[in-house]
Amino acid sequence: MLLLAMDTATPAVTVALHDGETVVAQSSQVDARRHGELLLPAVDRVLKEAGLKLDAVTGLVVGVGPGPYTGLRVGLVTAATFASALGVPVHGLCTLDGLAYAAGLDEPFAVATDARRKEVYWARYDDSRTRVSEASVDRPADIAEQLAGLPVVGAGARLYPEAFPDAREPEHQSAAALAALAAEKLAAAGEGAEAGFLDPLPMYLRRPDAQVPKNYKVVTPK
């Protein structure tokens, strides 16, 4: 097994290789405006670090969001393109689940990432492997009471400390954690359990910021 994992649903452009037992190589850069520019060099970097070529990959893992439209689609399209070229499967995972897995908590908590517009993408967990709510997007003040007393993992907690006073690490997504979670699910599926992967389709939760104008200005030639 050699999984190539990537996630661009958050400001972190993150890539990792996992051989089914451990992370072989990883790369993460935080830059909310350069997903398209940074992703492919990151893939190249982790392959070179591992001393492998792309055709050694047996499966793709990709974070499906929730996340902003532009950044999120970079990772999804790249994963789909690689999978098509290599003839290997793409395993989709909720981006919030990757952060939850990396947190490693065995108590109830929440994950919150920056959704812009003074909102957060969030979900609740019973432990690092068990999400107990659907991913949602809300203003921090509107969910502060629901999450009162819970640790909150992710950049959303740091951005809005008045709503989420118990902020926990990690702040940013890690493809290494996403890959490890996927490897664990694949191993369990081999033993007869449900893998629980998502279709590699974007989880937007709301309309993109860019909109097609409703009324075009008509210019009539004279």
N, C-alpha and C. Protein backbone atom coordinates (compact mmCIF):
# COMPACT_ATOMS: atom_id res chain seq x y z
N MET A 1 0.84 -1.20 0.00
CA MET A 1 0.00 0.00 0.00
C MET A 1 0.87 1.25 0.00
N LEU A 2 0.54 2.19 -0.86
CA LEU A 2 1.19 3.49 -0.82
C LEU A 2 0.12 4.53 -1.14
N LEU A 3 -0.28 5.26 -0.12
CA LEU A 3 -1.32 6.27 -0.25
C LEU A 3 -0.71 7.65 -0.41
N LEU A 4 -1.19 8.38 -1.41
CA LEU A 4 -0.82 9.79 -1.57
C LEU A 4 -2.01 10.61 -1.11
N ALA A 5 -1.83 11.35 -0.02
CA ALA A 5 -2.92 12.14 0.56
C ALA A 5 -2.67 13.62 0.35
N MET A 6 -3.76 14.37 0.14
CA MET A 6 -3.65 15.81 -0.03
C MET A 6 -4.93 16.48 0.47
N ASP A 7 -4.79 17.71 0.90
CA ASP A 7 -5.95 18.49 1.34
C ASP A 7 -5.66 19.97 1.09
N THR A 8 -6.60 20.64 0.42
CA THR A 8 -6.48 22.08 0.17
C THR A 8 -7.75 22.81 0.59
N ALA A 9 -8.50 22.22 1.52
CA ALA A 9 -9.77 22.81 1.95
C ALA A 9 -9.58 23.94 2.95
N THR A 10 -8.38 24.06 3.51
CA THR A 10 -8.07 25.10 4.48
C THR A 10 -6.87 25.88 3.96
N PRO A 11 -6.38 26.89 4.68
CA PRO A 11 -5.19 27.60 4.22
C PRO A 11 -3.94 26.71 4.10
N ALA A 12 -3.96 25.53 4.70
CA ALA A 12 -2.82 24.63 4.62
C ALA A 12 -2.85 23.82 3.33
N VAL A 13 -1.78 23.91 2.54
CA VAL A 13 -1.60 23.06 1.36
C VAL A 13 -0.74 21.91 1.84
N THR A 14 -1.35 20.74 2.02
CA THR A 14 -0.68 19.67 2.72
C THR A 14 -0.74 18.36 1.94
N VAL A 15 0.40 17.67 1.87
CA VAL A 15 0.56 16.44 1.10
C VAL A 15 1.35 15.44 1.93
N ALA A 16 1.01 14.15 1.81
CA ALA A 16 1.77 13.12 2.54
C ALA A 16 1.70 11.79 1.81
N LEU A 17 2.70 10.96 2.04
CA LEU A 17 2.73 9.58 1.57
C LEU A 17 2.68 8.65 2.77
N HIS A 18 1.85 7.61 2.69
CA HIS A 18 1.69 6.65 3.79
C HIS A 18 1.76 5.25 3.22
N ASP A 19 2.58 4.38 3.81
CA ASP A 19 2.76 3.04 3.27
C ASP A 19 1.88 1.98 3.92
N GLY A 20 0.87 2.44 4.68
CA GLY A 20 -0.01 1.50 5.37
C GLY A 20 0.36 1.29 6.81
N GLU A 21 1.59 1.64 7.16
CA GLU A 21 2.04 1.50 8.54
C GLU A 21 2.53 2.82 9.12
N THR A 22 3.14 3.64 8.27
CA THR A 22 3.69 4.90 8.78
C THR A 22 3.73 5.94 7.67
N VAL A 23 3.90 7.19 8.06
CA VAL A 23 4.05 8.28 7.10
C VAL A 23 5.47 8.23 6.55
N VAL A 24 5.59 8.15 5.22
CA VAL A 24 6.88 8.05 4.56
C VAL A 24 7.49 9.44 4.33
N ALA A 25 6.64 10.39 3.96
CA ALA A 25 7.10 11.76 3.71
C ALA A 25 5.89 12.68 3.77
N GLN A 26 6.13 13.95 4.10
CA GLN A 26 5.04 14.89 4.18
C GLN A 26 5.53 16.31 3.93
N SER A 27 4.59 17.18 3.52
CA SER A 27 4.90 18.58 3.29
C SER A 27 3.64 19.40 3.56
N SER A 28 3.80 20.51 4.28
CA SER A 28 2.67 21.39 4.55
C SER A 28 3.13 22.84 4.51
N GLN A 29 2.37 23.66 3.82
CA GLN A 29 2.61 25.10 3.78
C GLN A 29 1.28 25.81 3.99
N VAL A 30 1.29 26.84 4.80
CA VAL A 30 0.06 27.59 5.07
C VAL A 30 0.06 28.86 4.25
N ASP A 31 -0.83 28.90 3.26
CA ASP A 31 -0.96 30.07 2.39
C ASP A 31 -2.33 29.99 1.73
N ALA A 32 -3.25 30.81 2.17
CA ALA A 32 -4.64 30.72 1.73
C ALA A 32 -4.85 31.13 0.28
N ARG A 33 -3.86 31.74 -0.35
CA ARG A 33 -4.05 32.27 -1.71
C ARG A 33 -3.25 31.55 -2.79
N ARG A 34 -2.52 30.49 -2.44
CA ARG A 34 -1.61 29.90 -3.43
C ARG A 34 -1.77 28.38 -3.54
N HIS A 35 -2.97 27.87 -3.32
CA HIS A 35 -3.19 26.42 -3.37
C HIS A 35 -2.75 25.84 -4.72
N GLY A 36 -3.21 26.46 -5.81
CA GLY A 36 -2.89 25.96 -7.13
C GLY A 36 -1.41 26.01 -7.44
N GLU A 37 -0.72 26.99 -6.90
CA GLU A 37 0.71 27.16 -7.15
C GLU A 37 1.55 26.19 -6.32
N LEU A 38 1.09 25.86 -5.12
CA LEU A 38 1.91 25.11 -4.19
C LEU A 38 1.69 23.60 -4.20
N LEU A 39 0.52 23.15 -4.66
CA LEU A 39 0.19 21.74 -4.48
C LEU A 39 1.10 20.79 -5.26
N LEU A 40 1.24 20.99 -6.56
CA LEU A 40 2.04 20.06 -7.35
C LEU A 40 3.51 20.03 -6.94
N PRO A 41 4.13 21.19 -6.65
CA PRO A 41 5.50 21.12 -6.12
C PRO A 41 5.59 20.34 -4.81
N ALA A 42 4.54 20.42 -3.98
CA ALA A 42 4.54 19.66 -2.73
C ALA A 42 4.47 18.17 -3.00
N VAL A 43 3.66 17.76 -3.98
CA VAL A 43 3.59 16.35 -4.36
C VAL A 43 4.96 15.88 -4.84
N ASP A 44 5.58 16.67 -5.70
CA ASP A 44 6.91 16.33 -6.21
C ASP A 44 7.92 16.21 -5.07
N ARG A 45 7.81 17.10 -4.11
CA ARG A 45 8.75 17.13 -3.00
C ARG A 45 8.64 15.86 -2.14
N VAL A 46 7.43 15.44 -1.81
CA VAL A 46 7.29 14.26 -0.95
C VAL A 46 7.70 12.99 -1.70
N LEU A 47 7.43 12.94 -3.00
CA LEU A 47 7.87 11.77 -3.77
C LEU A 47 9.39 11.68 -3.81
N LYS A 48 10.05 12.83 -4.01
CA LYS A 48 11.51 12.83 -4.03
C LYS A 48 12.08 12.46 -2.67
N GLU A 49 11.48 12.97 -1.61
CA GLU A 49 11.95 12.66 -0.26
C GLU A 49 11.85 11.16 0.01
N ALA A 50 10.79 10.54 -0.50
CA ALA A 50 10.59 9.11 -0.29
C ALA A 50 11.38 8.26 -1.28
N GLY A 51 11.95 8.89 -2.31
CA GLY A 51 12.68 8.16 -3.33
C GLY A 51 11.77 7.32 -4.21
N LEU A 52 10.58 7.84 -4.45
CA LEU A 52 9.58 7.10 -5.22
C LEU A 52 9.06 7.94 -6.38
N LYS A 53 8.40 7.27 -7.32
CA LYS A 53 7.75 7.96 -8.42
C LYS A 53 6.24 7.84 -8.28
N LEU A 54 5.52 8.68 -8.99
CA LEU A 54 4.06 8.72 -8.85
C LEU A 54 3.42 7.38 -9.15
N ASP A 55 3.99 6.62 -10.09
CA ASP A 55 3.36 5.35 -10.47
C ASP A 55 3.46 4.28 -9.38
N ALA A 56 4.15 4.58 -8.28
CA ALA A 56 4.20 3.64 -7.15
C ALA A 56 2.96 3.77 -6.26
N VAL A 57 2.20 4.85 -6.44
CA VAL A 57 1.03 5.11 -5.59
C VAL A 57 -0.08 4.12 -5.90
N THR A 58 -0.70 3.55 -4.86
CA THR A 58 -1.78 2.58 -5.03
C THR A 58 -3.15 3.15 -4.70
N GLY A 59 -3.18 4.36 -4.16
CA GLY A 59 -4.46 4.98 -3.84
C GLY A 59 -4.27 6.44 -3.48
N LEU A 60 -5.30 7.24 -3.74
CA LEU A 60 -5.30 8.66 -3.38
C LEU A 60 -6.25 8.89 -2.21
N VAL A 61 -5.88 9.80 -1.33
CA VAL A 61 -6.73 10.24 -0.23
C VAL A 61 -6.86 11.74 -0.34
N VAL A 62 -8.07 12.26 -0.27
CA VAL A 62 -8.26 13.70 -0.44
C VAL A 62 -9.29 14.23 0.55
N GLY A 63 -8.99 15.37 1.13
CA GLY A 63 -9.95 16.05 1.99
C GLY A 63 -11.03 16.70 1.13
N VAL A 64 -12.29 16.40 1.42
CA VAL A 64 -13.39 16.91 0.60
C VAL A 64 -14.01 18.19 1.18
N GLY A 65 -13.41 18.71 2.24
CA GLY A 65 -13.96 19.89 2.87
C GLY A 65 -14.70 19.55 4.14
N PRO A 66 -15.48 20.49 4.64
CA PRO A 66 -15.89 21.74 4.01
C PRO A 66 -14.74 22.74 3.88
N GLY A 67 -14.88 23.58 2.85
CA GLY A 67 -13.89 24.60 2.61
C GLY A 67 -14.35 25.57 1.55
N PRO A 68 -13.66 26.69 1.42
CA PRO A 68 -13.98 27.67 0.38
C PRO A 68 -13.83 27.07 -1.01
N TYR A 69 -14.61 27.54 -1.94
CA TYR A 69 -14.71 26.96 -3.28
C TYR A 69 -13.38 26.85 -3.99
N THR A 70 -12.65 27.94 -4.11
CA THR A 70 -11.46 27.97 -4.95
C THR A 70 -10.37 27.02 -4.45
N GLY A 71 -10.02 27.11 -3.19
CA GLY A 71 -8.97 26.25 -2.66
C GLY A 71 -9.35 24.79 -2.65
N LEU A 72 -10.56 24.49 -2.26
CA LEU A 72 -11.00 23.11 -2.12
C LEU A 72 -10.91 22.34 -3.43
N ARG A 73 -11.33 22.96 -4.52
CA ARG A 73 -11.38 22.24 -5.79
C ARG A 73 -9.98 21.92 -6.32
N VAL A 74 -8.95 22.64 -5.90
CA VAL A 74 -7.58 22.37 -6.36
C VAL A 74 -7.17 20.95 -5.96
N GLY A 75 -7.35 20.60 -4.70
CA GLY A 75 -6.98 19.28 -4.24
C GLY A 75 -7.83 18.18 -4.84
N LEU A 76 -9.14 18.43 -4.96
CA LEU A 76 -10.03 17.42 -5.50
C LEU A 76 -9.76 17.12 -6.96
N VAL A 77 -9.55 18.17 -7.75
CA VAL A 77 -9.26 17.96 -9.18
C VAL A 77 -7.91 17.27 -9.36
N THR A 78 -6.92 17.66 -8.57
CA THR A 78 -5.60 17.03 -8.67
C THR A 78 -5.67 15.56 -8.31
N ALA A 79 -6.37 15.23 -7.23
CA ALA A 79 -6.50 13.83 -6.82
C ALA A 79 -7.23 13.02 -7.89
N ALA A 80 -8.30 13.58 -8.45
CA ALA A 80 -9.06 12.87 -9.48
C ALA A 80 -8.21 12.65 -10.73
N THR A 81 -7.40 13.64 -11.08
CA THR A 81 -6.55 13.52 -12.27
C THR A 81 -5.49 12.45 -12.08
N PHE A 82 -4.83 12.45 -10.93
CA PHE A 82 -3.83 11.42 -10.64
C PHE A 82 -4.46 10.03 -10.64
N ALA A 83 -5.63 9.91 -10.01
CA ALA A 83 -6.30 8.61 -9.92
C ALA A 83 -6.66 8.08 -11.29
N SER A 84 -7.13 8.97 -12.16
CA SER A 84 -7.50 8.57 -13.51
C SER A 84 -6.26 8.12 -14.30
N ALA A 85 -5.18 8.86 -14.16
CA ALA A 85 -3.95 8.53 -14.89
C ALA A 85 -3.33 7.22 -14.40
N LEU A 86 -3.43 6.97 -13.10
CA LEU A 86 -2.79 5.78 -12.52
C LEU A 86 -3.71 4.57 -12.47
N GLY A 87 -5.03 4.80 -12.60
CA GLY A 87 -5.98 3.71 -12.49
C GLY A 87 -6.13 3.19 -11.07
N VAL A 88 -6.09 4.12 -10.10
CA VAL A 88 -6.21 3.75 -8.69
C VAL A 88 -7.39 4.49 -8.07
N PRO A 89 -7.90 4.02 -6.93
CA PRO A 89 -9.07 4.66 -6.31
C PRO A 89 -8.74 5.97 -5.59
N VAL A 90 -9.78 6.80 -5.44
CA VAL A 90 -9.68 8.02 -4.64
C VAL A 90 -10.58 7.85 -3.42
N HIS A 91 -10.02 8.03 -2.24
CA HIS A 91 -10.77 7.91 -0.99
C HIS A 91 -11.01 9.30 -0.41
N GLY A 92 -12.26 9.72 -0.34
CA GLY A 92 -12.58 11.02 0.22
C GLY A 92 -12.81 10.97 1.71
N LEU A 93 -12.31 11.97 2.42
CA LEU A 93 -12.52 12.09 3.87
C LEU A 93 -12.87 13.53 4.20
N CYS A 94 -13.73 13.70 5.19
CA CYS A 94 -14.05 15.04 5.66
C CYS A 94 -12.79 15.69 6.24
N THR A 95 -12.51 16.89 5.82
CA THR A 95 -11.33 17.61 6.30
C THR A 95 -11.33 17.75 7.82
N LEU A 96 -12.49 17.98 8.39
CA LEU A 96 -12.59 18.11 9.85
C LEU A 96 -12.20 16.82 10.55
N ASP A 97 -12.46 15.68 9.91
CA ASP A 97 -12.09 14.39 10.51
C ASP A 97 -10.58 14.24 10.60
N GLY A 98 -9.86 14.81 9.62
CA GLY A 98 -8.41 14.75 9.68
C GLY A 98 -7.87 15.53 10.87
N LEU A 99 -8.42 16.70 11.10
CA LEU A 99 -8.01 17.51 12.25
C LEU A 99 -8.36 16.81 13.56
N ALA A 100 -9.53 16.18 13.60
CA ALA A 100 -9.95 15.47 14.81
C ALA A 100 -9.01 14.30 15.09
N TYR A 101 -8.65 13.56 14.05
CA TYR A 101 -7.76 12.41 14.21
C TYR A 101 -6.39 12.87 14.71
N ALA A 102 -5.90 13.97 14.17
CA ALA A 102 -4.60 14.49 14.59
C ALA A 102 -4.62 14.96 16.03
N ALA A 103 -5.77 15.43 16.50
CA ALA A 103 -5.87 15.92 17.88
C ALA A 103 -5.68 14.79 18.89
N GLY A 104 -6.14 13.59 18.54
CA GLY A 104 -5.92 12.42 19.40
C GLY A 104 -6.65 12.46 20.73
N LEU A 105 -7.75 13.18 20.82
CA LEU A 105 -8.48 13.29 22.08
C LEU A 105 -9.42 12.10 22.28
N ASP A 106 -9.56 11.65 23.52
CA ASP A 106 -10.48 10.56 23.82
C ASP A 106 -11.65 11.05 24.67
N GLU A 107 -12.00 12.32 24.49
CA GLU A 107 -13.11 12.95 25.19
C GLU A 107 -13.92 13.75 24.18
N PRO A 108 -15.16 14.12 24.49
CA PRO A 108 -15.95 14.94 23.56
C PRO A 108 -15.25 16.27 23.27
N PHE A 109 -15.29 16.68 22.01
CA PHE A 109 -14.69 17.95 21.60
C PHE A 109 -15.30 18.37 20.27
N ALA A 110 -14.83 19.50 19.75
CA ALA A 110 -15.30 19.98 18.45
C ALA A 110 -14.10 20.40 17.61
N VAL A 111 -14.32 20.45 16.32
CA VAL A 111 -13.32 20.98 15.39
C VAL A 111 -13.93 22.18 14.68
N ALA A 112 -13.18 23.25 14.56
CA ALA A 112 -13.67 24.45 13.87
C ALA A 112 -12.57 25.03 12.99
N THR A 113 -12.88 25.23 11.71
CA THR A 113 -11.93 25.86 10.79
C THR A 113 -12.51 27.17 10.28
N ASP A 114 -11.66 27.99 9.72
CA ASP A 114 -12.08 29.31 9.24
C ASP A 114 -12.92 29.18 7.96
N ALA A 115 -14.14 29.68 8.00
CA ALA A 115 -15.01 29.66 6.82
C ALA A 115 -15.11 31.04 6.17
N ARG A 116 -14.33 32.01 6.71
CA ARG A 116 -14.40 33.39 6.24
C ARG A 116 -15.80 33.95 6.54
N ARG A 117 -16.03 35.19 6.12
CA ARG A 117 -17.32 35.86 6.39
C ARG A 117 -17.68 35.84 7.88
N LYS A 118 -16.66 35.78 8.74
CA LYS A 118 -16.84 35.73 10.19
C LYS A 118 -17.64 34.49 10.62
N GLU A 119 -17.41 33.37 9.90
CA GLU A 119 -18.05 32.11 10.22
C GLU A 119 -17.00 31.00 10.33
N VAL A 120 -17.44 29.85 10.87
CA VAL A 120 -16.56 28.68 10.96
C VAL A 120 -17.28 27.45 10.42
N TYR A 121 -16.48 26.54 9.83
CA TYR A 121 -16.96 25.19 9.54
C TYR A 121 -16.68 24.38 10.80
N TRP A 122 -17.64 23.58 11.23
CA TRP A 122 -17.44 22.88 12.49
C TRP A 122 -18.21 21.56 12.54
N ALA A 123 -17.81 20.72 13.50
CA ALA A 123 -18.51 19.47 13.80
C ALA A 123 -18.11 19.03 15.20
N ARG A 124 -18.97 18.20 15.80
CA ARG A 124 -18.71 17.66 17.14
C ARG A 124 -18.22 16.22 17.04
N TYR A 125 -17.39 15.82 18.03
CA TYR A 125 -16.82 14.48 18.07
C TYR A 125 -16.93 13.91 19.48
N ASP A 126 -17.14 12.60 19.56
CA ASP A 126 -17.07 11.92 20.86
C ASP A 126 -15.63 11.58 21.21
N ASP A 127 -14.83 11.32 20.19
CA ASP A 127 -13.40 11.09 20.34
C ASP A 127 -12.75 11.35 18.99
N SER A 128 -11.47 11.09 18.87
CA SER A 128 -10.74 11.49 17.67
C SER A 128 -11.16 10.74 16.41
N ARG A 129 -11.90 9.64 16.57
CA ARG A 129 -12.33 8.86 15.41
C ARG A 129 -13.84 8.88 15.18
N THR A 130 -14.57 9.53 16.06
CA THR A 130 -16.03 9.41 16.02
C THR A 130 -16.70 10.77 15.94
N ARG A 131 -17.12 11.15 14.72
CA ARG A 131 -17.88 12.38 14.53
C ARG A 131 -19.34 12.10 14.83
N VAL A 132 -19.98 12.99 15.59
CA VAL A 132 -21.36 12.77 16.01
C VAL A 132 -22.32 13.84 15.48
N SER A 133 -21.83 14.71 14.60
CA SER A 133 -22.70 15.69 13.97
C SER A 133 -22.25 15.89 12.53
N GLU A 134 -23.15 16.38 11.71
CA GLU A 134 -22.79 16.71 10.35
C GLU A 134 -21.93 17.98 10.35
N ALA A 135 -21.06 18.11 9.38
CA ALA A 135 -20.30 19.35 9.24
C ALA A 135 -21.27 20.49 8.92
N SER A 136 -21.06 21.64 9.56
CA SER A 136 -21.96 22.79 9.40
C SER A 136 -21.14 24.07 9.28
N VAL A 137 -21.80 25.14 8.89
CA VAL A 137 -21.17 26.45 8.86
C VAL A 137 -22.06 27.43 9.62
N ASP A 138 -21.46 28.14 10.59
CA ASP A 138 -22.22 29.05 11.44
C ASP A 138 -21.31 30.16 11.96
N ARG A 139 -21.94 31.19 12.48
CA ARG A 139 -21.19 32.22 13.20
C ARG A 139 -20.80 31.68 14.57
N PRO A 140 -19.59 31.96 15.02
CA PRO A 140 -19.13 31.43 16.31
C PRO A 140 -20.08 31.74 17.47
N ALA A 141 -20.60 32.96 17.52
CA ALA A 141 -21.49 33.33 18.62
C ALA A 141 -22.75 32.48 18.64
N ASP A 142 -23.18 32.00 17.47
CA ASP A 142 -24.42 31.23 17.38
C ASP A 142 -24.27 29.80 17.88
N ILE A 143 -23.03 29.31 17.96
CA ILE A 143 -22.82 27.93 18.40
C ILE A 143 -22.02 27.85 19.70
N ALA A 144 -21.65 29.00 20.24
CA ALA A 144 -20.83 29.02 21.46
C ALA A 144 -21.51 28.28 22.61
N GLU A 145 -22.83 28.44 22.74
CA GLU A 145 -23.55 27.78 23.83
C GLU A 145 -23.56 26.26 23.64
N GLN A 146 -23.74 25.82 22.38
CA GLN A 146 -23.75 24.38 22.09
C GLN A 146 -22.42 23.72 22.44
N LEU A 147 -21.33 24.47 22.24
CA LEU A 147 -20.00 23.91 22.44
C LEU A 147 -19.37 24.34 23.77
N ALA A 148 -20.15 24.97 24.62
CA ALA A 148 -19.62 25.46 25.90
C ALA A 148 -19.03 24.30 26.70
N GLY A 149 -17.81 24.52 27.20
CA GLY A 149 -17.14 23.51 28.01
C GLY A 149 -16.36 22.48 27.23
N LEU A 150 -16.47 22.51 25.89
CA LEU A 150 -15.76 21.55 25.07
C LEU A 150 -14.45 22.13 24.54
N PRO A 151 -13.40 21.33 24.47
CA PRO A 151 -12.21 21.76 23.74
C PRO A 151 -12.58 21.92 22.26
N VAL A 152 -11.96 22.87 21.60
CA VAL A 152 -12.21 23.07 20.16
C VAL A 152 -10.86 23.09 19.44
N VAL A 153 -10.73 22.20 18.49
CA VAL A 153 -9.51 22.03 17.71
C VAL A 153 -9.61 22.83 16.42
N GLY A 154 -8.48 23.43 15.99
CA GLY A 154 -8.45 24.08 14.69
C GLY A 154 -8.33 25.59 14.74
N ALA A 155 -8.11 26.16 13.56
CA ALA A 155 -7.90 27.61 13.46
C ALA A 155 -9.10 28.41 13.90
N GLY A 156 -10.30 27.85 13.76
CA GLY A 156 -11.51 28.57 14.17
C GLY A 156 -11.51 28.93 15.64
N ALA A 157 -10.97 28.03 16.45
CA ALA A 157 -10.92 28.31 17.89
C ALA A 157 -9.98 29.46 18.20
N ARG A 158 -8.88 29.55 17.46
CA ARG A 158 -7.90 30.62 17.69
C ARG A 158 -8.40 31.96 17.15
N LEU A 159 -9.18 31.91 16.10
CA LEU A 159 -9.71 33.15 15.53
C LEU A 159 -10.80 33.77 16.40
N TYR A 160 -11.53 32.93 17.14
CA TYR A 160 -12.67 33.42 17.92
C TYR A 160 -12.59 32.90 19.36
N PRO A 161 -11.58 33.34 20.11
CA PRO A 161 -11.38 32.84 21.47
C PRO A 161 -12.52 33.19 22.42
N GLU A 162 -13.27 34.27 22.11
CA GLU A 162 -14.39 34.63 22.98
C GLU A 162 -15.50 33.59 22.91
N ALA A 163 -15.62 32.91 21.77
CA ALA A 163 -16.64 31.86 21.61
C ALA A 163 -16.09 30.48 21.97
N PHE A 164 -14.78 30.29 21.74
CA PHE A 164 -14.15 28.98 21.97
C PHE A 164 -12.91 29.16 22.84
N PRO A 165 -13.08 29.32 24.14
CA PRO A 165 -11.94 29.64 25.01
C PRO A 165 -10.94 28.49 25.20
N ASP A 166 -11.38 27.24 24.98
CA ASP A 166 -10.46 26.10 25.19
C ASP A 166 -9.95 25.61 23.83
N ALA A 167 -9.04 26.38 23.23
CA ALA A 167 -8.49 26.03 21.92
C ALA A 167 -7.42 24.95 22.08
N ARG A 168 -7.46 23.97 21.17
CA ARG A 168 -6.49 22.88 21.21
C ARG A 168 -5.78 22.72 19.87
N GLU A 169 -4.62 22.11 19.90
CA GLU A 169 -3.86 21.78 18.69
C GLU A 169 -4.47 20.54 18.03
N PRO A 170 -4.28 20.37 16.73
CA PRO A 170 -3.52 21.23 15.83
C PRO A 170 -4.36 22.38 15.30
N GLU A 171 -3.68 23.43 14.90
CA GLU A 171 -4.37 24.57 14.32
C GLU A 171 -4.71 24.31 12.86
N HIS A 172 -3.79 23.65 12.14
CA HIS A 172 -3.96 23.45 10.70
C HIS A 172 -4.05 21.98 10.32
N GLN A 173 -4.67 21.73 9.18
CA GLN A 173 -4.83 20.39 8.66
C GLN A 173 -3.48 19.77 8.30
N SER A 174 -3.41 18.45 8.41
CA SER A 174 -2.21 17.70 8.06
C SER A 174 -2.60 16.51 7.20
N ALA A 175 -2.03 16.43 6.00
CA ALA A 175 -2.29 15.28 5.13
C ALA A 175 -1.75 14.00 5.75
N ALA A 176 -0.73 14.13 6.59
CA ALA A 176 -0.19 12.95 7.27
C ALA A 176 -1.25 12.30 8.15
N ALA A 177 -2.00 13.12 8.89
CA ALA A 177 -3.08 12.59 9.73
C ALA A 177 -4.20 12.03 8.87
N LEU A 178 -4.52 12.71 7.77
CA LEU A 178 -5.56 12.25 6.87
C LEU A 178 -5.19 10.89 6.27
N ALA A 179 -3.93 10.75 5.87
CA ALA A 179 -3.46 9.49 5.31
C ALA A 179 -3.48 8.37 6.34
N ALA A 180 -3.07 8.68 7.57
CA ALA A 180 -3.07 7.67 8.63
C ALA A 180 -4.49 7.20 8.94
N LEU A 181 -5.44 8.14 8.94
CA LEU A 181 -6.83 7.79 9.17
C LEU A 181 -7.34 6.89 8.04
N ALA A 182 -7.00 7.23 6.80
CA ALA A 182 -7.42 6.43 5.66
C ALA A 182 -6.83 5.03 5.73
N ALA A 183 -5.55 4.93 6.07
CA ALA A 183 -4.90 3.62 6.18
C ALA A 183 -5.56 2.77 7.25
N GLU A 184 -5.96 3.40 8.34
CA GLU A 184 -6.64 2.69 9.42
C GLU A 184 -8.00 2.17 8.93
N LYS A 185 -8.71 3.01 8.19
CA LYS A 185 -10.02 2.60 7.67
C LYS A 185 -9.88 1.47 6.65
N LEU A 186 -8.87 1.53 5.80
CA LEU A 186 -8.66 0.48 4.81
C LEU A 186 -8.29 -0.84 5.49
N ALA A 187 -7.50 -0.77 6.55
CA ALA A 187 -7.14 -1.98 7.28
C ALA A 187 -8.37 -2.60 7.93
N ALA A 188 -9.22 -1.75 8.49
CA ALA A 188 -10.44 -2.24 9.12
C ALA A 188 -11.38 -2.85 8.08
N ALA A 189 -11.44 -2.23 6.89
CA ALA A 189 -12.29 -2.75 5.82
C ALA A 189 -11.81 -4.13 5.37
N GLY A 190 -10.50 -4.34 5.42
CA GLY A 190 -9.96 -5.64 5.07
C GLY A 190 -10.36 -6.72 6.06
N GLU A 191 -10.73 -6.29 7.25
CA GLU A 191 -11.17 -7.22 8.29
C GLU A 191 -12.69 -7.33 8.33
N GLY A 192 -13.36 -6.72 7.33
CA GLY A 192 -14.81 -6.86 7.23
C GLY A 192 -15.61 -5.66 7.71
N ALA A 193 -14.96 -4.63 8.22
CA ALA A 193 -15.66 -3.44 8.69
C ALA A 193 -15.92 -2.50 7.51
N GLU A 194 -16.86 -1.59 7.69
CA GLU A 194 -17.14 -0.58 6.67
C GLU A 194 -16.02 0.46 6.66
N ALA A 195 -15.52 0.78 5.47
CA ALA A 195 -14.43 1.75 5.39
C ALA A 195 -14.92 3.15 5.72
N GLY A 196 -16.10 3.51 5.23
CA GLY A 196 -16.68 4.81 5.58
C GLY A 196 -16.08 5.99 4.84
N PHE A 197 -15.57 5.77 3.63
CA PHE A 197 -15.05 6.89 2.84
C PHE A 197 -16.19 7.65 2.18
N LEU A 198 -15.90 8.90 1.84
CA LEU A 198 -16.86 9.74 1.13
C LEU A 198 -16.52 9.78 -0.35
N ASP A 199 -17.52 10.08 -1.17
CA ASP A 199 -17.23 10.32 -2.57
C ASP A 199 -16.31 11.54 -2.67
N PRO A 200 -15.34 11.52 -3.57
CA PRO A 200 -14.41 12.66 -3.69
C PRO A 200 -15.05 13.85 -4.39
N LEU A 201 -16.08 14.38 -3.76
CA LEU A 201 -16.81 15.53 -4.27
C LEU A 201 -16.76 16.66 -3.26
N PRO A 202 -16.77 17.91 -3.70
CA PRO A 202 -16.60 19.03 -2.77
C PRO A 202 -17.76 19.20 -1.81
N MET A 203 -17.43 19.41 -0.55
CA MET A 203 -18.40 19.73 0.49
C MET A 203 -18.32 21.24 0.73
N TYR A 204 -19.18 21.99 0.03
CA TYR A 204 -19.10 23.45 0.10
C TYR A 204 -19.90 24.03 1.26
N LEU A 205 -21.09 23.52 1.51
CA LEU A 205 -22.02 23.98 2.55
C LEU A 205 -22.67 25.33 2.27
N ARG A 206 -22.12 26.09 1.36
CA ARG A 206 -22.74 27.36 0.99
C ARG A 206 -22.28 27.74 -0.41
N ARG A 207 -22.93 28.75 -0.98
CA ARG A 207 -22.60 29.19 -2.33
C ARG A 207 -21.23 29.87 -2.36
N PRO A 208 -20.52 29.78 -3.49
CA PRO A 208 -19.21 30.45 -3.60
C PRO A 208 -19.35 31.96 -3.53
N ASP A 209 -18.26 32.63 -3.15
CA ASP A 209 -18.27 34.09 -3.07
C ASP A 209 -18.49 34.72 -4.45
N ALA A 210 -17.88 34.14 -5.46
CA ALA A 210 -18.02 34.68 -6.82
C ALA A 210 -19.38 34.29 -7.39
N GLN A 211 -20.09 35.24 -7.92
CA GLN A 211 -21.42 35.00 -8.48
C GLN A 211 -21.50 35.55 -9.89
N VAL A 212 -22.27 34.87 -10.74
CA VAL A 212 -22.52 35.37 -12.09
C VAL A 212 -23.49 36.55 -11.98
N PRO A 213 -23.18 37.67 -12.58
CA PRO A 213 -24.09 38.82 -12.51
C PRO A 213 -25.49 38.46 -13.00
N LYS A 214 -26.49 38.96 -12.30
CA LYS A 214 -27.87 38.63 -12.67
C LYS A 214 -28.32 39.41 -13.91
N ASN A 215 -27.86 40.65 -14.02
CA ASN A 215 -28.29 41.48 -15.14
C ASN A 215 -27.08 42.01 -15.90
N TYR A 216 -26.96 41.60 -17.13
CA TYR A 216 -25.87 42.08 -17.95
C TYR A 216 -26.24 43.42 -18.59
N LYS A 217 -25.26 44.29 -18.71
CA LYS A 217 -25.50 45.54 -19.37
C LYS A 217 -25.50 45.30 -20.88
N VAL A 218 -26.58 45.67 -21.52
CA VAL A 218 -26.71 45.46 -22.96
C VAL A 218 -26.06 46.61 -23.69
N VAL A 219 -25.16 46.26 -24.58
CA VAL A 219 -24.49 47.28 -25.40
C VAL A 219 -24.92 47.09 -26.85
N THR A 220 -25.66 48.04 -27.36
CA THR A 220 -26.15 47.95 -28.73
C THR A 220 -25.27 48.77 -29.65
N PRO A 221 -24.70 48.11 -30.66
CA PRO A 221 -23.82 48.87 -31.56
C PRO A 221 -24.63 49.92 -32.34
N LYS A 222 -24.00 51.04 -32.57
CA LYS A 222 -24.68 52.11 -33.31
C LYS A 222 -24.52 51.91 -34.82
